[in-house]
Amino acid sequence: MVILKCIGEGHFYREKVVMPQELFWFEAPLSSRLEIWQMSPQGQMLQVRADVSDYALNEKSAEESPTASLWAC
């Protein structure tokens, strides 16, 4: 299990526990940051910190969108 945290402009915040065989699709502002935390015996450990655009599925359509958001998985 991992914990996904997405933080963006305009007080955007999304946090979700994602189980091993689960796919989680989400929409986020274009400039958001993504953090993936993994559980360890000492507690949560940060595994990945990246721009949400690194995980985007529709970056081209997001640039054309008036809301400037991305769908990621």
N, C-alpha and C. Protein backbone atom coordinates (compact mmCIF):
# COMPACT_ATOMS: atom_id res chain seq x y z
N MET A 1 0.85 -1.17 0.00
CA MET A 1 0.00 0.00 0.00
C MET A 1 0.89 1.23 0.00
N VAL A 2 0.46 2.25 -0.73
CA VAL A 2 1.16 3.54 -0.75
C VAL A 2 0.15 4.65 -0.48
N ILE A 3 0.65 5.78 -0.08
CA ILE A 3 -0.19 6.96 0.13
C ILE A 3 0.21 7.98 -0.91
N LEU A 4 -0.75 8.40 -1.70
CA LEU A 4 -0.53 9.38 -2.76
C LEU A 4 -1.02 10.73 -2.26
N LYS A 5 -0.18 11.74 -2.36
CA LYS A 5 -0.56 13.11 -1.98
C LYS A 5 -0.29 14.01 -3.17
N CYS A 6 -1.27 14.80 -3.52
CA CYS A 6 -1.15 15.73 -4.65
C CYS A 6 -1.50 17.13 -4.14
N ILE A 7 -0.56 18.07 -4.31
CA ILE A 7 -0.72 19.42 -3.80
C ILE A 7 -0.57 20.39 -4.97
N GLY A 8 -1.54 21.31 -5.09
CA GLY A 8 -1.50 22.24 -6.22
C GLY A 8 -1.99 23.62 -5.85
N GLU A 9 -2.09 24.45 -6.86
CA GLU A 9 -2.50 25.85 -6.67
C GLU A 9 -3.96 25.94 -6.25
N GLY A 10 -4.31 27.06 -5.68
CA GLY A 10 -5.69 27.30 -5.26
C GLY A 10 -6.15 26.37 -4.15
N HIS A 11 -5.25 26.03 -3.22
CA HIS A 11 -5.54 25.16 -2.09
C HIS A 11 -5.96 23.75 -2.52
N PHE A 12 -5.51 23.31 -3.70
CA PHE A 12 -5.82 21.95 -4.16
C PHE A 12 -5.02 20.95 -3.34
N TYR A 13 -5.70 19.95 -2.80
CA TYR A 13 -5.03 18.89 -2.04
C TYR A 13 -5.84 17.62 -2.18
N ARG A 14 -5.17 16.54 -2.51
CA ARG A 14 -5.83 15.24 -2.60
C ARG A 14 -4.89 14.22 -1.98
N GLU A 15 -5.44 13.38 -1.11
CA GLU A 15 -4.67 12.32 -0.47
C GLU A 15 -5.48 11.04 -0.57
N LYS A 16 -4.80 9.94 -0.91
CA LYS A 16 -5.51 8.67 -1.12
C LYS A 16 -4.58 7.52 -0.77
N VAL A 17 -5.09 6.55 -0.04
CA VAL A 17 -4.37 5.30 0.19
C VAL A 17 -4.68 4.40 -1.00
N VAL A 18 -3.62 3.93 -1.68
CA VAL A 18 -3.78 3.10 -2.86
C VAL A 18 -3.25 1.71 -2.54
N MET A 19 -4.11 0.72 -2.70
CA MET A 19 -3.75 -0.67 -2.42
C MET A 19 -2.95 -1.25 -3.58
N PRO A 20 -2.22 -2.36 -3.36
CA PRO A 20 -1.30 -2.90 -4.38
C PRO A 20 -1.89 -3.16 -5.76
N GLN A 21 -3.09 -3.68 -5.86
CA GLN A 21 -3.65 -4.01 -7.17
C GLN A 21 -4.69 -2.98 -7.63
N GLU A 22 -4.70 -1.83 -7.01
CA GLU A 22 -5.67 -0.79 -7.32
C GLU A 22 -5.06 0.24 -8.29
N LEU A 23 -5.86 0.69 -9.24
CA LEU A 23 -5.49 1.82 -10.09
C LEU A 23 -6.26 3.03 -9.59
N PHE A 24 -5.59 4.14 -9.48
CA PHE A 24 -6.23 5.36 -9.01
C PHE A 24 -6.01 6.46 -10.05
N TRP A 25 -7.09 6.90 -10.67
CA TRP A 25 -7.06 7.98 -11.66
C TRP A 25 -7.54 9.25 -10.95
N PHE A 26 -6.88 10.35 -11.22
CA PHE A 26 -7.30 11.60 -10.59
C PHE A 26 -7.02 12.77 -11.52
N GLU A 27 -7.73 13.84 -11.29
CA GLU A 27 -7.53 15.08 -12.04
C GLU A 27 -6.88 16.09 -11.11
N ALA A 28 -5.89 16.81 -11.63
CA ALA A 28 -5.17 17.78 -10.81
C ALA A 28 -4.76 18.98 -11.65
N PRO A 29 -4.59 20.14 -11.01
CA PRO A 29 -4.09 21.31 -11.75
C PRO A 29 -2.73 21.02 -12.38
N LEU A 30 -2.46 21.66 -13.48
CA LEU A 30 -1.27 21.42 -14.28
C LEU A 30 0.04 21.56 -13.49
N SER A 31 0.10 22.50 -12.58
CA SER A 31 1.35 22.77 -11.85
C SER A 31 1.45 22.02 -10.52
N SER A 32 0.64 21.02 -10.30
CA SER A 32 0.63 20.29 -9.02
C SER A 32 1.89 19.45 -8.83
N ARG A 33 2.18 19.17 -7.57
CA ARG A 33 3.28 18.28 -7.19
C ARG A 33 2.68 17.00 -6.64
N LEU A 34 3.32 15.89 -6.95
CA LEU A 34 2.86 14.57 -6.53
C LEU A 34 3.87 13.97 -5.56
N GLU A 35 3.38 13.42 -4.46
CA GLU A 35 4.24 12.70 -3.52
C GLU A 35 3.67 11.31 -3.33
N ILE A 36 4.54 10.31 -3.36
CA ILE A 36 4.13 8.93 -3.10
C ILE A 36 4.90 8.47 -1.87
N TRP A 37 4.14 8.13 -0.84
CA TRP A 37 4.70 7.70 0.44
C TRP A 37 4.46 6.21 0.61
N GLN A 38 5.44 5.51 1.16
CA GLN A 38 5.33 4.08 1.40
C GLN A 38 5.44 3.82 2.89
N MET A 39 4.73 2.80 3.35
CA MET A 39 4.78 2.45 4.77
C MET A 39 6.06 1.66 5.05
N SER A 40 6.65 1.91 6.22
CA SER A 40 7.82 1.17 6.68
C SER A 40 7.64 0.90 8.17
N PRO A 41 8.47 0.07 8.76
CA PRO A 41 8.35 -0.18 10.21
C PRO A 41 8.48 1.09 11.05
N GLN A 42 9.17 2.11 10.54
CA GLN A 42 9.34 3.37 11.28
C GLN A 42 8.23 4.37 10.99
N GLY A 43 7.31 4.06 10.09
CA GLY A 43 6.24 4.98 9.71
C GLY A 43 6.25 5.23 8.21
N GLN A 44 5.73 6.36 7.79
CA GLN A 44 5.69 6.69 6.37
C GLN A 44 7.06 7.19 5.89
N MET A 45 7.44 6.76 4.68
CA MET A 45 8.69 7.22 4.07
C MET A 45 8.39 7.75 2.68
N LEU A 46 8.89 8.94 2.37
CA LEU A 46 8.69 9.53 1.05
C LEU A 46 9.50 8.75 0.03
N GLN A 47 8.83 8.22 -1.01
CA GLN A 47 9.50 7.45 -2.06
C GLN A 47 9.71 8.26 -3.33
N VAL A 48 8.69 9.05 -3.71
CA VAL A 48 8.75 9.81 -4.97
C VAL A 48 8.18 11.20 -4.73
N ARG A 49 8.86 12.20 -5.26
CA ARG A 49 8.32 13.56 -5.31
C ARG A 49 8.55 14.04 -6.74
N ALA A 50 7.47 14.40 -7.44
CA ALA A 50 7.58 14.76 -8.85
C ALA A 50 6.47 15.72 -9.24
N ASP A 51 6.59 16.29 -10.43
CA ASP A 51 5.51 17.07 -11.01
C ASP A 51 4.42 16.11 -11.48
N VAL A 52 3.17 16.49 -11.31
CA VAL A 52 2.07 15.62 -11.73
C VAL A 52 2.12 15.39 -13.24
N SER A 53 2.70 16.32 -13.99
CA SER A 53 2.79 16.14 -15.45
C SER A 53 3.67 14.95 -15.83
N ASP A 54 4.56 14.51 -14.92
CA ASP A 54 5.37 13.31 -15.18
C ASP A 54 4.51 12.05 -15.24
N TYR A 55 3.33 12.09 -14.65
CA TYR A 55 2.43 10.94 -14.61
C TYR A 55 1.17 11.17 -15.43
N ALA A 56 1.13 12.25 -16.19
CA ALA A 56 -0.08 12.63 -16.92
C ALA A 56 -0.38 11.68 -18.07
N LEU A 57 -1.67 11.47 -18.28
CA LEU A 57 -2.13 10.65 -19.39
C LEU A 57 -2.56 11.50 -20.57
N ASN A 58 -2.89 12.75 -20.33
CA ASN A 58 -3.43 13.60 -21.40
C ASN A 58 -2.80 14.99 -21.40
N GLU A 59 -1.50 15.06 -21.37
CA GLU A 59 -0.83 16.37 -21.27
C GLU A 59 -1.19 17.28 -22.44
N LYS A 60 -1.30 16.75 -23.64
CA LYS A 60 -1.62 17.58 -24.81
C LYS A 60 -3.01 18.19 -24.66
N SER A 61 -3.99 17.38 -24.28
CA SER A 61 -5.35 17.92 -24.14
C SER A 61 -5.45 18.88 -22.96
N ALA A 62 -4.61 18.71 -21.95
CA ALA A 62 -4.63 19.63 -20.81
C ALA A 62 -4.18 21.02 -21.21
N GLU A 63 -3.23 21.10 -22.14
CA GLU A 63 -2.76 22.40 -22.59
C GLU A 63 -3.86 23.16 -23.33
N GLU A 64 -4.77 22.42 -23.97
CA GLU A 64 -5.86 23.04 -24.72
C GLU A 64 -7.08 23.30 -23.85
N SER A 65 -7.11 22.72 -22.67
CA SER A 65 -8.27 22.80 -21.78
C SER A 65 -8.32 24.16 -21.09
N PRO A 66 -9.52 24.74 -20.95
CA PRO A 66 -9.63 26.02 -20.23
C PRO A 66 -9.35 25.88 -18.74
N THR A 67 -9.50 24.67 -18.18
CA THR A 67 -9.26 24.48 -16.75
C THR A 67 -7.80 24.16 -16.47
N ALA A 68 -7.00 23.86 -17.47
CA ALA A 68 -5.58 23.54 -17.33
C ALA A 68 -5.36 22.49 -16.25
N SER A 69 -5.99 21.34 -16.41
CA SER A 69 -5.79 20.25 -15.48
C SER A 69 -5.36 19.00 -16.23
N LEU A 70 -4.85 18.03 -15.48
CA LEU A 70 -4.36 16.78 -16.04
C LEU A 70 -5.07 15.60 -15.41
N TRP A 71 -5.20 14.53 -16.17
CA TRP A 71 -5.62 13.25 -15.62
C TRP A 71 -4.37 12.41 -15.48
N ALA A 72 -4.18 11.81 -14.33
CA ALA A 72 -2.99 11.00 -14.08
C ALA A 72 -3.38 9.67 -13.45
N CYS A 73 -2.47 8.74 -13.54
CA CYS A 73 -2.70 7.42 -12.98
C CYS A 73 -1.43 6.96 -12.31
